Amino acid sequence: MLYQPSGPPIPLLWAAHSPEEQRHYLDELDLWVTWVIDHYRLDRRYIPECWAKHWELIEELSALHLAWEAAYATTSHADAPLTWHERLGHARPRLAEWVARTGCRGTEHRSIA
């Protein structure tokens, strides 16, 4: 279940955290990513199942999550949700490009050496 943020979110600098802390944040992000995939019916060309194995996708999805939290915080402006949808629209081509670069397809992960 998602929660409604009560105040401005704080950006997450992934590189500033230990691998253990990153796993914790990834677990939290995974809840939101699962929701956004289902809610917006995003197919795997935008967010493959292995997204958490690709830092470029983690960073992009983390930024989208931050924008979503900012849009739906109880302290947000009335038009903030519209801004979120505009940002999602701009992010979709970038997500597709990142996924294409990974070589992953649907449920098939490919490691880049």
PDB file of N, CA and C in Angstrom:
ATOM      1  N   MET A   1       0.836  -1.171   0.000  1.00  0.00           N
ATOM      2  CA  MET A   1       0.000   0.000   0.000  1.00  0.00           C
ATOM      3  C   MET A   1       0.886   1.242   0.000  1.00  0.00           C
ATOM      4  N   LEU A   2       0.479   2.232  -0.778  1.00  0.00           N
ATOM      5  CA  LEU A   2       1.212   3.485  -0.818  1.00  0.00           C
ATOM      6  C   LEU A   2       0.711   4.417   0.269  1.00  0.00           C
ATOM      7  N   TYR A   3       1.521   5.378   0.598  1.00  0.00           N
ATOM      8  CA  TYR A   3       1.150   6.368   1.600  1.00  0.00           C
ATOM      9  C   TYR A   3       1.150   7.740   0.935  1.00  0.00           C
ATOM     10  N   GLN A   4       0.406   8.666   1.510  1.00  0.00           N
ATOM     11  CA  GLN A   4       0.440  10.032   1.007  1.00  0.00           C
ATOM     12  C   GLN A   4       1.515  10.791   1.764  1.00  0.00           C
ATOM     13  N   PRO A   5       2.520  11.292   1.044  1.00  0.00           N
ATOM     14  CA  PRO A   5       3.588  12.044   1.715  1.00  0.00           C
ATOM     15  C   PRO A   5       3.024  13.272   2.427  1.00  0.00           C
ATOM     16  N   SER A   6       3.574  13.558   3.583  1.00  0.00           N
ATOM     17  CA  SER A   6       3.059  14.686   4.366  1.00  0.00           C
ATOM     18  C   SER A   6       3.873  15.962   4.182  1.00  0.00           C
ATOM     19  N   GLY A   7       5.015  15.869   3.578  1.00  0.00           N
ATOM     20  CA  GLY A   7       5.840  17.056   3.384  1.00  0.00           C
ATOM     21  C   GLY A   7       6.751  16.877   2.189  1.00  0.00           C
ATOM     22  N   PRO A   8       7.567  17.862   1.915  1.00  0.00           N
ATOM     23  CA  PRO A   8       8.472  17.770   0.770  1.00  0.00           C
ATOM     24  C   PRO A   8       9.418  16.574   0.903  1.00  0.00           C
ATOM     25  N   PRO A   9       9.581  15.792  -0.174  1.00  0.00           N
ATOM     26  CA  PRO A   9      10.488  14.644  -0.116  1.00  0.00           C
ATOM     27  C   PRO A   9      11.942  15.089  -0.152  1.00  0.00           C
ATOM     28  N   ILE A  10      12.802  14.208   0.254  1.00  0.00           N
ATOM     29  CA  ILE A  10      14.237  14.476   0.270  1.00  0.00           C
ATOM     30  C   ILE A  10      14.894  13.624  -0.810  1.00  0.00           C
ATOM     31  N   PRO A  11      15.631  14.249  -1.726  1.00  0.00           N
ATOM     32  CA  PRO A  11      16.308  13.478  -2.772  1.00  0.00           C
ATOM     33  C   PRO A  11      17.273  12.447  -2.178  1.00  0.00           C
ATOM     34  N   LEU A  12      17.422  11.352  -2.880  1.00  0.00           N
ATOM     35  CA  LEU A  12      18.287  10.259  -2.441  1.00  0.00           C
ATOM     36  C   LEU A  12      19.500  10.188  -3.353  1.00  0.00           C
ATOM     37  N   LEU A  13      20.680  10.343  -2.774  1.00  0.00           N
ATOM     38  CA  LEU A  13      21.931  10.171  -3.514  1.00  0.00           C
ATOM     39  C   LEU A  13      22.387   8.745  -3.276  1.00  0.00           C
ATOM     40  N   TRP A  14      22.114   7.879  -4.236  1.00  0.00           N
ATOM     41  CA  TRP A  14      22.376   6.445  -4.069  1.00  0.00           C
ATOM     42  C   TRP A  14      23.834   6.157  -3.734  1.00  0.00           C
ATOM     43  N   ALA A  15      24.750   6.852  -4.378  1.00  0.00           N
ATOM     44  CA  ALA A  15      26.178   6.590  -4.200  1.00  0.00           C
ATOM     45  C   ALA A  15      26.667   6.935  -2.794  1.00  0.00           C
ATOM     46  N   ALA A  16      25.886   7.677  -2.043  1.00  0.00           N
ATOM     47  CA  ALA A  16      26.289   8.075  -0.695  1.00  0.00           C
ATOM     48  C   ALA A  16      25.906   7.041   0.355  1.00  0.00           C
ATOM     49  N   HIS A  17      25.307   5.930  -0.076  1.00  0.00           N
ATOM     50  CA  HIS A  17      24.826   4.924   0.875  1.00  0.00           C
ATOM     51  C   HIS A  17      25.547   3.593   0.693  1.00  0.00           C
ATOM     52  N   SER A  18      25.626   2.867   1.777  1.00  0.00           N
ATOM     53  CA  SER A  18      26.259   1.540   1.758  1.00  0.00           C
ATOM     54  C   SER A  18      25.382   0.581   0.951  1.00  0.00           C
ATOM     55  N   PRO A  19      25.959  -0.537   0.499  1.00  0.00           N
ATOM     56  CA  PRO A  19      25.148  -1.539  -0.209  1.00  0.00           C
ATOM     57  C   PRO A  19      23.939  -2.008   0.608  1.00  0.00           C
ATOM     58  N   GLU A  20      24.094  -2.137   1.904  1.00  0.00           N
ATOM     59  CA  GLU A  20      22.971  -2.546   2.753  1.00  0.00           C
ATOM     60  C   GLU A  20      21.871  -1.479   2.762  1.00  0.00           C
ATOM     61  N   GLU A  21      22.267  -0.220   2.885  1.00  0.00           N
ATOM     62  CA  GLU A  21      21.289   0.876   2.858  1.00  0.00           C
ATOM     63  C   GLU A  21      20.622   0.957   1.485  1.00  0.00           C
ATOM     64  N   GLN A  22      21.398   0.757   0.434  1.00  0.00           N
ATOM     65  CA  GLN A  22      20.839   0.778  -0.915  1.00  0.00           C
ATOM     66  C   GLN A  22      19.785  -0.312  -1.086  1.00  0.00           C
ATOM     67  N   ARG A  23      20.040  -1.497  -0.553  1.00  0.00           N
ATOM     68  CA  ARG A  23      19.050  -2.593  -0.630  1.00  0.00           C
ATOM     69  C   ARG A  23      17.756  -2.187   0.066  1.00  0.00           C
ATOM     70  N   HIS A  24      17.871  -1.537   1.204  1.00  0.00           N
ATOM     71  CA  HIS A  24      16.691  -1.072   1.925  1.00  0.00           C
ATOM     72  C   HIS A  24      15.900  -0.075   1.072  1.00  0.00           C
ATOM     73  N   TYR A  25      16.598   0.897   0.489  1.00  0.00           N
ATOM     74  CA  TYR A  25      15.927   1.888  -0.347  1.00  0.00           C
ATOM     75  C   TYR A  25      15.341   1.251  -1.610  1.00  0.00           C
ATOM     76  N   LEU A  26      16.035   0.261  -2.155  1.00  0.00           N
ATOM     77  CA  LEU A  26      15.507  -0.446  -3.322  1.00  0.00           C
ATOM     78  C   LEU A  26      14.215  -1.184  -2.992  1.00  0.00           C
ATOM     79  N   ASP A  27      14.157  -1.774  -1.808  1.00  0.00           N
ATOM     80  CA  ASP A  27      12.920  -2.446  -1.392  1.00  0.00           C
ATOM     81  C   ASP A  27      11.763  -1.455  -1.337  1.00  0.00           C
ATOM     82  N   GLU A  28      12.020  -0.275  -0.798  1.00  0.00           N
ATOM     83  CA  GLU A  28      10.991   0.760  -0.737  1.00  0.00           C
ATOM     84  C   GLU A  28      10.598   1.228  -2.137  1.00  0.00           C
ATOM     85  N   LEU A  29      11.598   1.439  -2.989  1.00  0.00           N
ATOM     86  CA  LEU A  29      11.320   1.884  -4.354  1.00  0.00           C
ATOM     87  C   LEU A  29      10.547   0.819  -5.124  1.00  0.00           C
ATOM     88  N   ASP A  30      10.859  -0.435  -4.875  1.00  0.00           N
ATOM     89  CA  ASP A  30      10.187  -1.534  -5.569  1.00  0.00           C
ATOM     90  C   ASP A  30       8.676  -1.504  -5.346  1.00  0.00           C
ATOM     91  N   LEU A  31       8.240  -1.150  -4.153  1.00  0.00           N
ATOM     92  CA  LEU A  31       6.798  -1.053  -3.886  1.00  0.00           C
ATOM     93  C   LEU A  31       6.158  -0.022  -4.812  1.00  0.00           C
ATOM     94  N   TRP A  32       6.801   1.114  -4.937  1.00  0.00           N
ATOM     95  CA  TRP A  32       6.257   2.160  -5.795  1.00  0.00           C
ATOM     96  C   TRP A  32       6.334   1.767  -7.263  1.00  0.00           C
ATOM     97  N   VAL A  33       7.462   1.199  -7.698  1.00  0.00           N
ATOM     98  CA  VAL A  33       7.624   0.801  -9.101  1.00  0.00           C
ATOM     99  C   VAL A  33       6.553  -0.230  -9.472  1.00  0.00           C
ATOM    100  N   THR A  34       6.313  -1.190  -8.613  1.00  0.00           N
ATOM    101  CA  THR A  34       5.269  -2.188  -8.868  1.00  0.00           C
ATOM    102  C   THR A  34       3.914  -1.500  -9.031  1.00  0.00           C
ATOM    103  N   TRP A  35       3.644  -0.533  -8.160  1.00  0.00           N
ATOM    104  CA  TRP A  35       2.382   0.197  -8.241  1.00  0.00           C
ATOM    105  C   TRP A  35       2.289   0.991  -9.540  1.00  0.00           C
ATOM    106  N   VAL A  36       3.339   1.734  -9.893  1.00  0.00           N
ATOM    107  CA  VAL A  36       3.275   2.600 -11.075  1.00  0.00           C
ATOM    108  C   VAL A  36       3.139   1.772 -12.347  1.00  0.00           C
ATOM    109  N   ILE A  37       3.790   0.622 -12.413  1.00  0.00           N
ATOM    110  CA  ILE A  37       3.653  -0.263 -13.574  1.00  0.00           C
ATOM    111  C   ILE A  37       2.195  -0.688 -13.731  1.00  0.00           C
ATOM    112  N   ASP A  38       1.601  -1.115 -12.640  1.00  0.00           N
ATOM    113  CA  ASP A  38       0.221  -1.583 -12.673  1.00  0.00           C
ATOM    114  C   ASP A  38      -0.750  -0.426 -12.919  1.00  0.00           C
ATOM    115  N   HIS A  39      -0.589   0.649 -12.189  1.00  0.00           N
ATOM    116  CA  HIS A  39      -1.526   1.773 -12.247  1.00  0.00           C
ATOM    117  C   HIS A  39      -1.554   2.428 -13.628  1.00  0.00           C
ATOM    118  N   TYR A  40      -0.386   2.570 -14.243  1.00  0.00           N
ATOM    119  CA  TYR A  40      -0.297   3.231 -15.543  1.00  0.00           C
ATOM    120  C   TYR A  40      -0.143   2.236 -16.689  1.00  0.00           C
ATOM    121  N   ARG A  41      -0.274   0.964 -16.390  1.00  0.00           N
ATOM    122  CA  ARG A  41      -0.201  -0.113 -17.393  1.00  0.00           C
ATOM    123  C   ARG A  41       1.043   0.015 -18.267  1.00  0.00           C
ATOM    124  N   LEU A  42       2.177   0.227 -17.609  1.00  0.00           N
ATOM    125  CA  LEU A  42       3.444   0.337 -18.325  1.00  0.00           C
ATOM    126  C   LEU A  42       3.947  -1.054 -18.672  1.00  0.00           C
ATOM    127  N   ASP A  43       4.299  -1.245 -19.908  1.00  0.00           N
ATOM    128  CA  ASP A  43       4.805  -2.574 -20.269  1.00  0.00           C
ATOM    129  C   ASP A  43       6.310  -2.651 -20.048  1.00  0.00           C
ATOM    130  N   ARG A  44       6.846  -3.809 -20.262  1.00  0.00           N
ATOM    131  CA  ARG A  44       8.246  -4.101 -19.923  1.00  0.00           C
ATOM    132  C   ARG A  44       9.257  -3.401 -20.810  1.00  0.00           C
ATOM    133  N   ARG A  45       8.828  -2.761 -21.895  1.00  0.00           N
ATOM    134  CA  ARG A  45       9.803  -1.997 -22.694  1.00  0.00           C
ATOM    135  C   ARG A  45      10.189  -0.713 -21.976  1.00  0.00           C
ATOM    136  N   TYR A  46       9.394  -0.302 -20.978  1.00  0.00           N
ATOM    137  CA  TYR A  46       9.705   0.871 -20.164  1.00  0.00           C
ATOM    138  C   TYR A  46      10.361   0.486 -18.841  1.00  0.00           C
ATOM    139  N   ILE A  47       9.867  -0.586 -18.233  1.00  0.00           N
ATOM    140  CA  ILE A  47      10.420  -1.025 -16.953  1.00  0.00           C
ATOM    141  C   ILE A  47      10.462  -2.555 -16.952  1.00  0.00           C
ATOM    142  N   PRO A  48      11.621  -3.124 -17.278  1.00  0.00           N
ATOM    143  CA  PRO A  48      11.715  -4.584 -17.278  1.00  0.00           C
ATOM    144  C   PRO A  48      11.719  -5.124 -15.845  1.00  0.00           C
ATOM    145  N   GLU A  49      11.448  -6.402 -15.711  1.00  0.00           N
ATOM    146  CA  GLU A  49      11.439  -7.002 -14.380  1.00  0.00           C
ATOM    147  C   GLU A  49      12.771  -6.844 -13.667  1.00  0.00           C
ATOM    148  N   CYS A  50      13.844  -6.767 -14.418  1.00  0.00           N
ATOM    149  CA  CYS A  50      15.187  -6.686 -13.832  1.00  0.00           C
ATOM    150  C   CYS A  50      15.650  -5.243 -13.623  1.00  0.00           C
ATOM    151  N   TRP A  51      14.744  -4.290 -13.580  1.00  0.00           N
ATOM    152  CA  TRP A  51      15.119  -2.878 -13.471  1.00  0.00           C
ATOM    153  C   TRP A  51      16.075  -2.617 -12.319  1.00  0.00           C
ATOM    154  N   ALA A  52      15.918  -3.338 -11.206  1.00  0.00           N
ATOM    155  CA  ALA A  52      16.745  -3.094 -10.015  1.00  0.00           C
ATOM    156  C   ALA A  52      18.188  -3.567 -10.196  1.00  0.00           C
ATOM    157  N   LYS A  53      18.498  -4.188 -11.328  1.00  0.00           N
ATOM    158  CA  LYS A  53      19.868  -4.614 -11.620  1.00  0.00           C
ATOM    159  C   LYS A  53      20.589  -3.613 -12.524  1.00  0.00           C
ATOM    160  N   HIS A  54      19.924  -2.512 -12.820  1.00  0.00           N
ATOM    161  CA  HIS A  54      20.478  -1.514 -13.734  1.00  0.00           C
ATOM    162  C   HIS A  54      20.432  -0.136 -13.079  1.00  0.00           C
ATOM    163  N   TRP A  55      21.620   0.407 -12.768  1.00  0.00           N
ATOM    164  CA  TRP A  55      21.676   1.679 -12.061  1.00  0.00           C
ATOM    165  C   TRP A  55      21.023   2.812 -12.822  1.00  0.00           C
ATOM    166  N   GLU A  56      21.114   2.803 -14.137  1.00  0.00           N
ATOM    167  CA  GLU A  56      20.489   3.871 -14.895  1.00  0.00           C
ATOM    168  C   GLU A  56      18.971   3.872 -14.696  1.00  0.00           C
ATOM    169  N   LEU A  57      18.367   2.703 -14.598  1.00  0.00           N
ATOM    170  CA  LEU A  57      16.926   2.607 -14.354  1.00  0.00           C
ATOM    171  C   LEU A  57      16.594   2.934 -12.897  1.00  0.00           C
ATOM    172  N   ILE A  58      17.447   2.507 -11.986  1.00  0.00           N
ATOM    173  CA  ILE A  58      17.232   2.845 -10.568  1.00  0.00           C
ATOM    174  C   ILE A  58      17.219   4.362 -10.398  1.00  0.00           C
ATOM    175  N   GLU A  59      18.188   5.032 -10.986  1.00  0.00           N
ATOM    176  CA  GLU A  59      18.274   6.489 -10.856  1.00  0.00           C
ATOM    177  C   GLU A  59      17.061   7.175 -11.483  1.00  0.00           C
ATOM    178  N   GLU A  60      16.670   6.744 -12.675  1.00  0.00           N
ATOM    179  CA  GLU A  60      15.521   7.353 -13.355  1.00  0.00           C
ATOM    180  C   GLU A  60      14.234   7.113 -12.569  1.00  0.00           C
ATOM    181  N   LEU A  61      14.025   5.882 -12.131  1.00  0.00           N
ATOM    182  CA  LEU A  61      12.805   5.561 -11.382  1.00  0.00           C
ATOM    183  C   LEU A  61      12.797   6.233 -10.013  1.00  0.00           C
ATOM    184  N   SER A  62      13.952   6.346  -9.405  1.00  0.00           N
ATOM    185  CA  SER A  62      14.050   7.041  -8.127  1.00  0.00           C
ATOM    186  C   SER A  62      13.666   8.512  -8.291  1.00  0.00           C
ATOM    187  N   ALA A  63      14.127   9.131  -9.370  1.00  0.00           N
ATOM    188  CA  ALA A  63      13.784  10.527  -9.634  1.00  0.00           C
ATOM    189  C   ALA A  63      12.290  10.679  -9.901  1.00  0.00           C
ATOM    190  N   LEU A  64      11.718   9.742 -10.641  1.00  0.00           N
ATOM    191  CA  LEU A  64      10.272   9.775 -10.879  1.00  0.00           C
ATOM    192  C   LEU A  64       9.496   9.608  -9.576  1.00  0.00           C
ATOM    193  N   HIS A  65       9.975   8.717  -8.740  1.00  0.00           N
ATOM    194  CA  HIS A  65       9.316   8.506  -7.447  1.00  0.00           C
ATOM    195  C   HIS A  65       9.362   9.788  -6.620  1.00  0.00           C
ATOM    196  N   LEU A  66      10.486  10.443  -6.615  1.00  0.00           N
ATOM    197  CA  LEU A  66      10.632  11.706  -5.889  1.00  0.00           C
ATOM    198  C   LEU A  66       9.645  12.753  -6.427  1.00  0.00           C
ATOM    199  N   ALA A  67       9.525  12.839  -7.752  1.00  0.00           N
ATOM    200  CA  ALA A  67       8.575  13.777  -8.355  1.00  0.00           C
ATOM    201  C   ALA A  67       7.140  13.416  -7.981  1.00  0.00           C
ATOM    202  N   TRP A  68       6.851  12.125  -7.922  1.00  0.00           N
ATOM    203  CA  TRP A  68       5.511  11.665  -7.535  1.00  0.00           C
ATOM    204  C   TRP A  68       5.221  12.049  -6.084  1.00  0.00           C
ATOM    205  N   GLU A  69       6.204  11.808  -5.211  1.00  0.00           N
ATOM    206  CA  GLU A  69       6.019  12.183  -3.804  1.00  0.00           C
ATOM    207  C   GLU A  69       5.791  13.680  -3.662  1.00  0.00           C
ATOM    208  N   ALA A  70       6.551  14.470  -4.409  1.00  0.00           N
ATOM    209  CA  ALA A  70       6.389  15.919  -4.347  1.00  0.00           C
ATOM    210  C   ALA A  70       5.019  16.344  -4.870  1.00  0.00           C
ATOM    211  N   ALA A  71       4.534  15.660  -5.891  1.00  0.00           N
ATOM    212  CA  ALA A  71       3.245  16.009  -6.488  1.00  0.00           C
ATOM    213  C   ALA A  71       2.071  15.690  -5.580  1.00  0.00           C
ATOM    214  N   TYR A  72       2.194  14.618  -4.803  1.00  0.00           N
ATOM    215  CA  TYR A  72       1.065  14.165  -3.993  1.00  0.00           C
ATOM    216  C   TYR A  72       1.229  14.408  -2.495  1.00  0.00           C
ATOM    217  N   ALA A  73       2.242  15.169  -2.121  1.00  0.00           N
ATOM    218  CA  ALA A  73       2.403  15.539  -0.712  1.00  0.00           C
ATOM    219  C   ALA A  73       1.248  16.451  -0.303  1.00  0.00           C
ATOM    220  N   THR A  74       0.884  16.356   0.942  1.00  0.00           N
ATOM    221  CA  THR A  74      -0.219  17.193   1.433  1.00  0.00           C
ATOM    222  C   THR A  74       0.108  18.679   1.359  1.00  0.00           C
ATOM    223  N   THR A  75       1.381  19.014   1.189  1.00  0.00           N
ATOM    224  CA  THR A  75       1.812  20.407   1.094  1.00  0.00           C
ATOM    225  C   THR A  75       1.934  20.887  -0.354  1.00  0.00           C
ATOM    226  N   SER A  76       1.583  20.057  -1.328  1.00  0.00           N
ATOM    227  CA  SER A  76       1.760  20.384  -2.745  1.00  0.00           C
ATOM    228  C   SER A  76       0.718  21.360  -3.255  1.00  0.00           C
ATOM    229  N   HIS A  77       1.062  22.015  -4.355  1.00  0.00           N
ATOM    230  CA  HIS A  77       0.116  22.890  -5.045  1.00  0.00           C
ATOM    231  C   HIS A  77      -0.922  22.038  -5.768  1.00  0.00           C
ATOM    232  N   ALA A  78      -2.055  22.625  -6.052  1.00  0.00           N
ATOM    233  CA  ALA A  78      -3.158  21.900  -6.684  1.00  0.00           C
ATOM    234  C   ALA A  78      -2.807  21.353  -8.062  1.00  0.00           C
ATOM    235  N   ASP A  79      -1.899  22.009  -8.788  1.00  0.00           N
ATOM    236  CA  ASP A  79      -1.555  21.516 -10.121  1.00  0.00           C
ATOM    237  C   ASP A  79      -0.339  20.583 -10.131  1.00  0.00           C
ATOM    238  N   ALA A  80       0.189  20.258  -8.977  1.00  0.00           N
ATOM    239  CA  ALA A  80       1.374  19.392  -8.900  1.00  0.00           C
ATOM    240  C   ALA A  80       1.134  18.013  -9.512  1.00  0.00           C
ATOM    241  N   PRO A  81      -0.034  17.383  -9.332  1.00  0.00           N
ATOM    242  CA  PRO A  81      -0.254  16.099  -9.993  1.00  0.00           C
ATOM    243  C   PRO A  81      -0.175  16.186 -11.526  1.00  0.00           C
ATOM    244  N   LEU A  82      -0.611  17.300 -12.083  1.00  0.00           N
ATOM    245  CA  LEU A  82      -0.487  17.478 -13.529  1.00  0.00           C
ATOM    246  C   LEU A  82       0.984  17.516 -13.932  1.00  0.00           C
ATOM    247  N   THR A  83       1.786  18.211 -13.154  1.00  0.00           N
ATOM    248  CA  THR A  83       3.226  18.259 -13.414  1.00  0.00           C
ATOM    249  C   THR A  83       3.827  16.863 -13.353  1.00  0.00           C
ATOM    250  N   TRP A  84       3.393  16.059 -12.395  1.00  0.00           N
ATOM    251  CA  TRP A  84       3.870  14.670 -12.289  1.00  0.00           C
ATOM    252  C   TRP A  84       3.566  13.907 -13.571  1.00  0.00           C
ATOM    253  N   HIS A  85       2.350  14.050 -14.092  1.00  0.00           N
ATOM    254  CA  HIS A  85       1.985  13.323 -15.312  1.00  0.00           C
ATOM    255  C   HIS A  85       2.791  13.810 -16.514  1.00  0.00           C
ATOM    256  N   GLU A  86       3.095  15.090 -16.552  1.00  0.00           N
ATOM    257  CA  GLU A  86       3.954  15.606 -17.619  1.00  0.00           C
ATOM    258  C   GLU A  86       5.357  15.009 -17.501  1.00  0.00           C
ATOM    259  N   ARG A  87       5.868  14.928 -16.290  1.00  0.00           N
ATOM    260  CA  ARG A  87       7.213  14.348 -16.088  1.00  0.00           C
ATOM    261  C   ARG A  87       7.231  12.873 -16.445  1.00  0.00           C
ATOM    262  N   LEU A  88       6.170  12.165 -16.112  1.00  0.00           N
ATOM    263  CA  LEU A  88       6.084  10.749 -16.499  1.00  0.00           C
ATOM    264  C   LEU A  88       6.100  10.625 -18.015  1.00  0.00           C
ATOM    265  N   GLY A  89       5.372  11.485 -18.695  1.00  0.00           N
ATOM    266  CA  GLY A  89       5.365  11.466 -20.160  1.00  0.00           C
ATOM    267  C   GLY A  89       6.743  11.725 -20.753  1.00  0.00           C
ATOM    268  N   HIS A  90       7.485  12.649 -20.161  1.00  0.00           N
ATOM    269  CA  HIS A  90       8.850  12.940 -20.643  1.00  0.00           C
ATOM    270  C   HIS A  90       9.817  11.809 -20.301  1.00  0.00           C
ATOM    271  N   ALA A  91       9.561  11.105 -19.224  1.00  0.00           N
ATOM    272  CA  ALA A  91      10.467  10.041 -18.785  1.00  0.00           C
ATOM    273  C   ALA A  91      10.297   8.762 -19.595  1.00  0.00           C
ATOM    274  N   ARG A  92       9.118   8.525 -20.134  1.00  0.00           N
ATOM    275  CA  ARG A  92       8.881   7.265 -20.840  1.00  0.00           C
ATOM    276  C   ARG A  92       9.858   7.019 -21.983  1.00  0.00           C
ATOM    277  N   PRO A  93      10.138   7.983 -22.864  1.00  0.00           N
ATOM    278  CA  PRO A  93      11.135   7.727 -23.913  1.00  0.00           C
ATOM    279  C   PRO A  93      12.531   7.451 -23.333  1.00  0.00           C
ATOM    280  N   ARG A  94      12.894   8.154 -22.261  1.00  0.00           N
ATOM    281  CA  ARG A  94      14.203   7.898 -21.639  1.00  0.00           C
ATOM    282  C   ARG A  94      14.250   6.487 -21.074  1.00  0.00           C
ATOM    283  N   LEU A  95      13.175   6.081 -20.401  1.00  0.00           N
ATOM    284  CA  LEU A  95      13.130   4.714 -19.860  1.00  0.00           C
ATOM    285  C   LEU A  95      13.276   3.694 -20.984  1.00  0.00           C
ATOM    286  N   ALA A  96      12.556   3.892 -22.073  1.00  0.00           N
ATOM    287  CA  ALA A  96      12.642   2.966 -23.209  1.00  0.00           C
ATOM    288  C   ALA A  96      14.065   2.924 -23.772  1.00  0.00           C
ATOM    289  N   GLU A  97      14.714   4.082 -23.829  1.00  0.00           N
ATOM    290  CA  GLU A  97      16.091   4.124 -24.328  1.00  0.00           C
ATOM    291  C   GLU A  97      17.034   3.373 -23.382  1.00  0.00           C
ATOM    292  N   TRP A  98      16.876   3.598 -22.067  1.00  0.00           N
ATOM    293  CA  TRP A  98      17.723   2.885 -21.108  1.00  0.00           C
ATOM    294  C   TRP A  98      17.503   1.378 -21.225  1.00  0.00           C
ATOM    295  N   VAL A  99      16.266   0.963 -21.338  1.00  0.00           N
ATOM    296  CA  VAL A  99      15.964  -0.473 -21.447  1.00  0.00           C
ATOM    297  C   VAL A  99      16.575  -1.033 -22.721  1.00  0.00           C
ATOM    298  N   ALA A 100      16.472  -0.308 -23.831  1.00  0.00           N
ATOM    299  CA  ALA A 100      17.065  -0.772 -25.082  1.00  0.00           C
ATOM    300  C   ALA A 100      18.580  -0.938 -24.940  1.00  0.00           C
ATOM    301  N   ARG A 101      19.219  -0.038 -24.227  1.00  0.00           N
ATOM    302  CA  ARG A 101      20.669  -0.139 -24.024  1.00  0.00           C
ATOM    303  C   ARG A 101      21.062  -1.347 -23.176  1.00  0.00           C
ATOM    304  N   THR A 102      20.182  -1.739 -22.246  1.00  0.00           N
ATOM    305  CA  THR A 102      20.510  -2.900 -21.400  1.00  0.00           C
ATOM    306  C   THR A 102      20.487  -4.188 -22.190  1.00  0.00           C
ATOM    307  N   GLY A 103      19.680  -4.242 -23.237  1.00  0.00           N
ATOM    308  CA  GLY A 103      19.513  -5.478 -23.998  1.00  0.00           C
ATOM    309  C   GLY A 103      18.523  -6.428 -23.361  1.00  0.00           C
ATOM    310  N   CYS A 104      17.925  -6.030 -22.269  1.00  0.00           N
ATOM    311  CA  CYS A 104      16.945  -6.878 -21.579  1.00  0.00           C
ATOM    312  C   CYS A 104      15.618  -6.815 -22.322  1.00  0.00           C
ATOM    313  N   ARG A 105      14.917  -7.925 -22.313  1.00  0.00           N
ATOM    314  CA  ARG A 105      13.614  -8.012 -22.976  1.00  0.00           C
ATOM    315  C   ARG A 105      12.615  -8.635 -22.027  1.00  0.00           C
ATOM    316  N   GLY A 106      11.556  -7.907 -21.725  1.00  0.00           N
ATOM    317  CA  GLY A 106      10.488  -8.447 -20.897  1.00  0.00           C
ATOM    318  C   GLY A 106      10.992  -9.002 -19.587  1.00  0.00           C
ATOM    319  N   THR A 107      10.973 -10.314 -19.480  1.00  0.00           N
ATOM    320  CA  THR A 107      11.426 -10.975 -18.254  1.00  0.00           C
ATOM    321  C   THR A 107      12.852 -11.505 -18.387  1.00  0.00           C
ATOM    322  N   GLU A 108      13.493 -11.238 -19.511  1.00  0.00           N
ATOM    323  CA  GLU A 108      14.849 -11.758 -19.772  1.00  0.00           C
ATOM    324  C   GLU A 108      15.894 -10.712 -19.450  1.00  0.00           C
ATOM    325  N   HIS A 109      16.752 -10.997 -18.454  1.00  0.00           N
ATOM    326  CA  HIS A 109      17.816 -10.084 -18.062  1.00  0.00           C
ATOM    327  C   HIS A 109      19.100 -10.437 -18.793  1.00  0.00           C
ATOM    328  N   ARG A 110      19.811  -9.416 -19.223  1.00  0.00           N
ATOM    329  CA  ARG A 110      21.126  -9.602 -19.840  1.00  0.00           C
ATOM    330  C   ARG A 110      22.125  -8.772 -19.077  1.00  0.00           C
ATOM    331  N   SER A 111      23.156  -9.418 -18.595  1.00  0.00           N
ATOM    332  CA  SER A 111      24.205  -8.705 -17.870  1.00  0.00           C
ATOM    333  C   SER A 111      25.146  -8.047 -18.884  1.00  0.00           C
ATOM    334  N   ILE A 112      25.510  -6.821 -18.581  1.00  0.00           N
ATOM    335  CA  ILE A 112      26.461  -6.114 -19.430  1.00  0.00           C
ATOM    336  C   ILE A 112      27.815  -6.220 -18.735  1.00  0.00           C
ATOM    337  N   ALA A 113      28.754  -6.797 -19.424  1.00  0.00           N
ATOM    338  CA  ALA A 113      30.081  -6.998 -18.840  1.00  0.00           C
ATOM    339  C   ALA A 113      30.916  -5.756 -18.931  1.00  0.00           C
TER     340      ALA A 113
END
